[in-house]
């Protein structure tokens, strides 16, 4: 889900400290989880890095890097409910703002959320509506309606966290 991060930076040792690598891992894990799980404790919070031997640190670094690379592969996968043609059409509709937007959502926030959908292929980009919840939370409905009792999609929650918008599944899909 997090295609915007360059994992080559890790391979090139731009994160020389293992603690920095864990911090990035935890950030990515938070983005990958559902909205309900976003506040779960990070997996590495109890590890005392100062007590690791050089061999142990190398093994931990290797495991974390493999996990990050696996996430990069997942982030590049298109959402399973959306074909390549549907994704292309949906991106065009995102660009043209062909969806319902609650007037309380700032245009700059809509643009940031749209950008997130466009850069994260694992999300369903067929946005139907954005609903204001509060200044830092937007509920999003995606999918398609072909006729009465003929449609389906997904619900997402966009939250402004540390100054940027992150879109997560709320774990629910809809069908009519």
C-alpha atoms as a PDB file:
ATOM      1  CA  UNK A   1       0.000   0.000   0.000  1.00  0.00           C
ATOM      2  CA  UNK A   2       2.865   2.328   0.458  1.00  0.00           C
ATOM      3  CA  UNK A   3       4.327   2.714  -2.986  1.00  0.00           C
ATOM      4  CA  UNK A   4       5.612   6.247  -2.434  1.00  0.00           C
ATOM      5  CA  UNK A   5       8.577   5.202  -0.265  1.00  0.00           C
ATOM      6  CA  UNK A   6      11.837   4.294  -1.959  1.00  0.00           C
ATOM      7  CA  UNK A   7      13.163   1.061  -0.536  1.00  0.00           C
ATOM      8  CA  UNK A   8      16.403   1.531  -2.428  1.00  0.00           C
ATOM      9  CA  UNK A   9      17.217   4.120   0.250  1.00  0.00           C
ATOM     10  CA  UNK A  10      17.407   1.266   2.741  1.00  0.00           C
ATOM     11  CA  UNK A  11      19.573  -0.846   0.455  1.00  0.00           C
ATOM     12  CA  UNK A  12      21.926   2.116   0.004  1.00  0.00           C
ATOM     13  CA  UNK A  13      22.249   2.424   3.794  1.00  0.00           C
ATOM     14  CA  UNK A  14      20.600   5.828   4.030  1.00  0.00           C
ATOM     15  CA  UNK A  15      19.128   4.458   7.257  1.00  0.00           C
ATOM     16  CA  UNK A  16      22.402   3.548   8.976  1.00  0.00           C
ATOM     17  CA  UNK A  17      20.839   3.174  12.429  1.00  0.00           C
ATOM     18  CA  UNK A  18      18.759   0.094  13.089  1.00  0.00           C
ATOM     19  CA  UNK A  19      16.453   2.223  15.220  1.00  0.00           C
ATOM     20  CA  UNK A  20      15.712   4.409  12.169  1.00  0.00           C
ATOM     21  CA  UNK A  21      14.947   1.293  10.153  1.00  0.00           C
ATOM     22  CA  UNK A  22      12.527   0.093  12.852  1.00  0.00           C
ATOM     23  CA  UNK A  23      10.863   3.503  12.971  1.00  0.00           C
ATOM     24  CA  UNK A  24      10.227   3.394   9.223  1.00  0.00           C
ATOM     25  CA  UNK A  25       9.009  -0.197   9.501  1.00  0.00           C
ATOM     26  CA  UNK A  26       6.528   0.838  12.211  1.00  0.00           C
ATOM     27  CA  UNK A  27       5.325   3.786  10.125  1.00  0.00           C
ATOM     28  CA  UNK A  28       4.735   1.516   7.140  1.00  0.00           C
ATOM     29  CA  UNK A  29       3.012  -1.060   9.310  1.00  0.00           C
ATOM     30  CA  UNK A  30       0.672   1.640  10.594  1.00  0.00           C
ATOM     31  CA  UNK A  31      -0.232   2.610   7.024  1.00  0.00           C
ATOM     32  CA  UNK A  32      -0.834  -1.023   6.085  1.00  0.00           C
ATOM     33  CA  UNK A  33      -3.228  -1.795   8.916  1.00  0.00           C
ATOM     34  CA  UNK A  34      -6.946  -1.155   8.981  1.00  0.00           C
ATOM     35  CA  UNK A  35      -8.170   2.034  10.564  1.00  0.00           C
ATOM     36  CA  UNK A  36      -9.357   0.100  13.621  1.00  0.00           C
ATOM     37  CA  UNK A  37      -5.848  -1.291  14.240  1.00  0.00           C
ATOM     38  CA  UNK A  38      -3.891   1.919  13.661  1.00  0.00           C
ATOM     39  CA  UNK A  39      -3.238   2.506  17.357  1.00  0.00           C
ATOM     40  CA  UNK A  40      -1.982  -0.985  18.154  1.00  0.00           C
ATOM     41  CA  UNK A  41       1.448  -0.944  19.795  1.00  0.00           C
ATOM     42  CA  UNK A  42       4.394  -1.122  17.394  1.00  0.00           C
ATOM     43  CA  UNK A  43       6.045  -4.544  17.158  1.00  0.00           C
ATOM     44  CA  UNK A  44       9.577  -3.446  18.028  1.00  0.00           C
ATOM     45  CA  UNK A  45       8.979  -1.120  20.950  1.00  0.00           C
ATOM     46  CA  UNK A  46      10.419  -3.578  23.510  1.00  0.00           C
ATOM     47  CA  UNK A  47      13.657  -4.394  21.697  1.00  0.00           C
ATOM     48  CA  UNK A  48      16.773  -2.973  23.334  1.00  0.00           C
ATOM     49  CA  UNK A  49      19.058  -2.308  20.370  1.00  0.00           C
ATOM     50  CA  UNK A  50      22.042  -1.554  22.583  1.00  0.00           C
ATOM     51  CA  UNK A  51      22.296  -5.185  23.695  1.00  0.00           C
ATOM     52  CA  UNK A  52      22.441  -6.715  20.197  1.00  0.00           C
ATOM     53  CA  UNK A  53      25.717  -8.146  18.958  1.00  0.00           C
ATOM     54  CA  UNK A  54      26.888  -7.172  15.479  1.00  0.00           C
ATOM     55  CA  UNK A  55      25.703 -10.548  14.120  1.00  0.00           C
ATOM     56  CA  UNK A  56      22.301 -10.194  15.792  1.00  0.00           C
ATOM     57  CA  UNK A  57      21.902  -6.672  14.448  1.00  0.00           C
ATOM     58  CA  UNK A  58      22.799  -7.859  10.933  1.00  0.00           C
ATOM     59  CA  UNK A  59      20.205 -10.653  11.168  1.00  0.00           C
ATOM     60  CA  UNK A  60      17.519  -8.284  12.458  1.00  0.00           C
ATOM     61  CA  UNK A  61      18.350  -5.753   9.734  1.00  0.00           C
ATOM     62  CA  UNK A  62      18.069  -8.484   7.089  1.00  0.00           C
ATOM     63  CA  UNK A  63      14.664  -9.663   8.375  1.00  0.00           C
ATOM     64  CA  UNK A  64      13.263  -6.121   8.558  1.00  0.00           C
ATOM     65  CA  UNK A  65      14.570  -5.260   5.092  1.00  0.00           C
ATOM     66  CA  UNK A  66      13.001  -8.430   3.650  1.00  0.00           C
ATOM     67  CA  UNK A  67       9.670  -7.471   5.223  1.00  0.00           C
ATOM     68  CA  UNK A  68       9.915  -3.950   3.806  1.00  0.00           C
ATOM     69  CA  UNK A  69      10.723  -5.291   0.349  1.00  0.00           C
ATOM     70  CA  UNK A  70       7.737  -7.652   0.573  1.00  0.00           C
ATOM     71  CA  UNK A  71       5.539  -4.661   1.411  1.00  0.00           C
ATOM     72  CA  UNK A  72       6.916  -2.810  -1.581  1.00  0.00           C
ATOM     73  CA  UNK A  73       5.837  -5.715  -3.809  1.00  0.00           C
ATOM     74  CA  UNK A  74       2.362  -5.698  -2.232  1.00  0.00           C
ATOM     75  CA  UNK A  75       2.094  -1.930  -2.681  1.00  0.00           C
ATOM     76  CA  UNK A  76       2.668  -2.305  -6.409  1.00  0.00           C
ATOM     77  CA  UNK A  77      -0.155  -4.820  -6.771  1.00  0.00           C
ATOM     78  CA  UNK A  78      -3.370  -3.443  -8.148  1.00  0.00           C
ATOM     79  CA  UNK A  79      -6.477  -3.798  -5.980  1.00  0.00           C
ATOM     80  CA  UNK A  80      -7.921  -7.253  -6.762  1.00  0.00           C
ATOM     81  CA  UNK A  81     -11.443  -5.906  -7.452  1.00  0.00           C
ATOM     82  CA  UNK A  82     -10.204  -3.405 -10.056  1.00  0.00           C
ATOM     83  CA  UNK A  83      -8.934  -4.307 -13.533  1.00  0.00           C
ATOM     84  CA  UNK A  84      -6.199  -2.268 -15.240  1.00  0.00           C
ATOM     85  CA  UNK A  85      -8.815  -0.635 -17.504  1.00  0.00           C
ATOM     86  CA  UNK A  86     -11.064   0.180 -14.549  1.00  0.00           C
ATOM     87  CA  UNK A  87      -8.123   1.669 -12.671  1.00  0.00           C
ATOM     88  CA  UNK A  88      -7.197   3.880 -15.627  1.00  0.00           C
ATOM     89  CA  UNK A  89     -10.798   5.108 -15.934  1.00  0.00           C
ATOM     90  CA  UNK A  90     -11.025   5.674 -12.177  1.00  0.00           C
ATOM     91  CA  UNK A  91      -7.815   7.739 -12.156  1.00  0.00           C
ATOM     92  CA  UNK A  92      -9.317   9.942 -14.880  1.00  0.00           C
ATOM     93  CA  UNK A  93     -12.408  10.450 -12.734  1.00  0.00           C
ATOM     94  CA  UNK A  94     -10.228  11.254  -9.738  1.00  0.00           C
ATOM     95  CA  UNK A  95      -8.353  13.851 -11.800  1.00  0.00           C
ATOM     96  CA  UNK A  96     -11.638  15.417 -12.934  1.00  0.00           C
ATOM     97  CA  UNK A  97     -13.165  15.210  -9.430  1.00  0.00           C
ATOM     98  CA  UNK A  98     -16.111  13.161 -10.733  1.00  0.00           C
ATOM     99  CA  UNK A  99     -17.315  12.156  -7.288  1.00  0.00           C
ATOM    100  CA  UNK A 100     -19.372  13.703  -4.516  1.00  0.00           C
ATOM    101  CA  UNK A 101     -17.370  15.785  -2.025  1.00  0.00           C
ATOM    102  CA  UNK A 102     -18.728  17.182   1.213  1.00  0.00           C
ATOM    103  CA  UNK A 103     -18.373  20.985   1.012  1.00  0.00           C
ATOM    104  CA  UNK A 104     -16.733  21.078   4.462  1.00  0.00           C
ATOM    105  CA  UNK A 105     -13.624  19.318   3.102  1.00  0.00           C
ATOM    106  CA  UNK A 106     -10.956  21.778   1.988  1.00  0.00           C
ATOM    107  CA  UNK A 107      -9.953  21.513  -1.705  1.00  0.00           C
ATOM    108  CA  UNK A 108      -6.290  21.070  -0.712  1.00  0.00           C
ATOM    109  CA  UNK A 109      -7.292  18.119   1.479  1.00  0.00           C
ATOM    110  CA  UNK A 110      -9.313  16.574  -1.368  1.00  0.00           C
ATOM    111  CA  UNK A 111      -6.274  16.951  -3.639  1.00  0.00           C
ATOM    112  CA  UNK A 112      -3.992  15.271  -1.074  1.00  0.00           C
ATOM    113  CA  UNK A 113      -6.400  12.367  -0.589  1.00  0.00           C
ATOM    114  CA  UNK A 114      -6.817  11.953  -4.362  1.00  0.00           C
ATOM    115  CA  UNK A 115      -3.024  11.891  -4.730  1.00  0.00           C
ATOM    116  CA  UNK A 116      -2.843   9.152  -2.099  1.00  0.00           C
ATOM    117  CA  UNK A 117      -5.364   7.036  -4.023  1.00  0.00           C
ATOM    118  CA  UNK A 118      -3.471   7.593  -7.268  1.00  0.00           C
ATOM    119  CA  UNK A 119      -0.112   6.551  -5.806  1.00  0.00           C
ATOM    120  CA  UNK A 120      -1.319   3.528  -3.834  1.00  0.00           C
ATOM    121  CA  UNK A 121      -2.472   0.894  -6.319  1.00  0.00           C
ATOM    122  CA  UNK A 122      -3.668  -1.460  -3.624  1.00  0.00           C
ATOM    123  CA  UNK A 123      -6.582   0.905  -2.827  1.00  0.00           C
ATOM    124  CA  UNK A 124      -9.810   0.867  -4.838  1.00  0.00           C
ATOM    125  CA  UNK A 125      -9.557   4.175  -6.781  1.00  0.00           C
ATOM    126  CA  UNK A 126     -13.225   4.249  -7.849  1.00  0.00           C
ATOM    127  CA  UNK A 127     -14.089   7.009  -5.366  1.00  0.00           C
ATOM    128  CA  UNK A 128     -17.808   7.710  -5.194  1.00  0.00           C
ATOM    129  CA  UNK A 129     -17.921  10.104  -2.248  1.00  0.00           C
ATOM    130  CA  UNK A 130     -15.912  11.839   0.447  1.00  0.00           C
ATOM    131  CA  UNK A 131     -17.734  12.711   3.671  1.00  0.00           C
ATOM    132  CA  UNK A 132     -16.461  15.118   6.324  1.00  0.00           C
ATOM    133  CA  UNK A 133     -16.130  13.671   9.815  1.00  0.00           C
ATOM    134  CA  UNK A 134     -13.832  16.296  11.337  1.00  0.00           C
ATOM    135  CA  UNK A 135     -11.002  18.519  10.125  1.00  0.00           C
ATOM    136  CA  UNK A 136      -8.577  15.585  10.225  1.00  0.00           C
ATOM    137  CA  UNK A 137     -10.893  12.706   9.213  1.00  0.00           C
ATOM    138  CA  UNK A 138     -12.750  11.955   5.981  1.00  0.00           C
ATOM    139  CA  UNK A 139     -14.917   8.887   5.295  1.00  0.00           C
ATOM    140  CA  UNK A 140     -14.610   7.623   1.712  1.00  0.00           C
ATOM    141  CA  UNK A 141     -16.875   5.298  -0.252  1.00  0.00           C
ATOM    142  CA  UNK A 142     -15.462   3.618  -3.360  1.00  0.00           C
ATOM    143  CA  UNK A 143     -16.910   1.213  -5.876  1.00  0.00           C
ATOM    144  CA  UNK A 144     -19.403   1.106  -8.687  1.00  0.00           C
ATOM    145  CA  UNK A 145     -23.184   1.118  -9.068  1.00  0.00           C
ATOM    146  CA  UNK A 146     -24.438  -0.413 -12.315  1.00  0.00           C
ATOM    147  CA  UNK A 147     -28.117  -0.400 -11.422  1.00  0.00           C
ATOM    148  CA  UNK A 148     -30.589  -1.233  -8.655  1.00  0.00           C
ATOM    149  CA  UNK A 149     -29.134  -3.956  -6.468  1.00  0.00           C
ATOM    150  CA  UNK A 150     -26.101  -4.177  -8.732  1.00  0.00           C
ATOM    151  CA  UNK A 151     -23.010  -2.626  -7.198  1.00  0.00           C
ATOM    152  CA  UNK A 152     -20.259  -2.959  -4.666  1.00  0.00           C
ATOM    153  CA  UNK A 153     -17.199  -1.320  -3.238  1.00  0.00           C
ATOM    154  CA  UNK A 154     -15.225  -0.481  -0.140  1.00  0.00           C
ATOM    155  CA  UNK A 155     -15.188   1.984   2.735  1.00  0.00           C
ATOM    156  CA  UNK A 156     -12.004   3.851   3.651  1.00  0.00           C
ATOM    157  CA  UNK A 157     -11.047   6.378   6.291  1.00  0.00           C
ATOM    158  CA  UNK A 158      -8.576   9.153   5.466  1.00  0.00           C
ATOM    159  CA  UNK A 159      -6.827  10.720   8.444  1.00  0.00           C
ATOM    160  CA  UNK A 160      -4.386  13.588   8.631  1.00  0.00           C
ATOM    161  CA  UNK A 161      -1.455  12.236  10.628  1.00  0.00           C
ATOM    162  CA  UNK A 162       1.709  14.223  11.247  1.00  0.00           C
ATOM    163  CA  UNK A 163       0.635  16.745   8.626  1.00  0.00           C
ATOM    164  CA  UNK A 164      -0.117  14.291   5.799  1.00  0.00           C
ATOM    165  CA  UNK A 165      -3.157  12.306   4.735  1.00  0.00           C
ATOM    166  CA  UNK A 166      -3.138   8.516   5.077  1.00  0.00           C
ATOM    167  CA  UNK A 167      -5.988   6.399   3.677  1.00  0.00           C
ATOM    168  CA  UNK A 168      -6.795   3.105   5.372  1.00  0.00           C
ATOM    169  CA  UNK A 169      -9.498   0.526   4.905  1.00  0.00           C
ATOM    170  CA  UNK A 170     -12.087   0.497   7.646  1.00  0.00           C
ATOM    171  CA  UNK A 171     -12.332  -3.254   7.063  1.00  0.00           C
ATOM    172  CA  UNK A 172     -15.797  -3.152   5.510  1.00  0.00           C
ATOM    173  CA  UNK A 173     -16.982  -3.648   1.940  1.00  0.00           C
ATOM    174  CA  UNK A 174     -20.481  -2.999   0.615  1.00  0.00           C
ATOM    175  CA  UNK A 175     -22.702  -4.797  -1.899  1.00  0.00           C
ATOM    176  CA  UNK A 176     -26.122  -3.941  -3.244  1.00  0.00           C
END
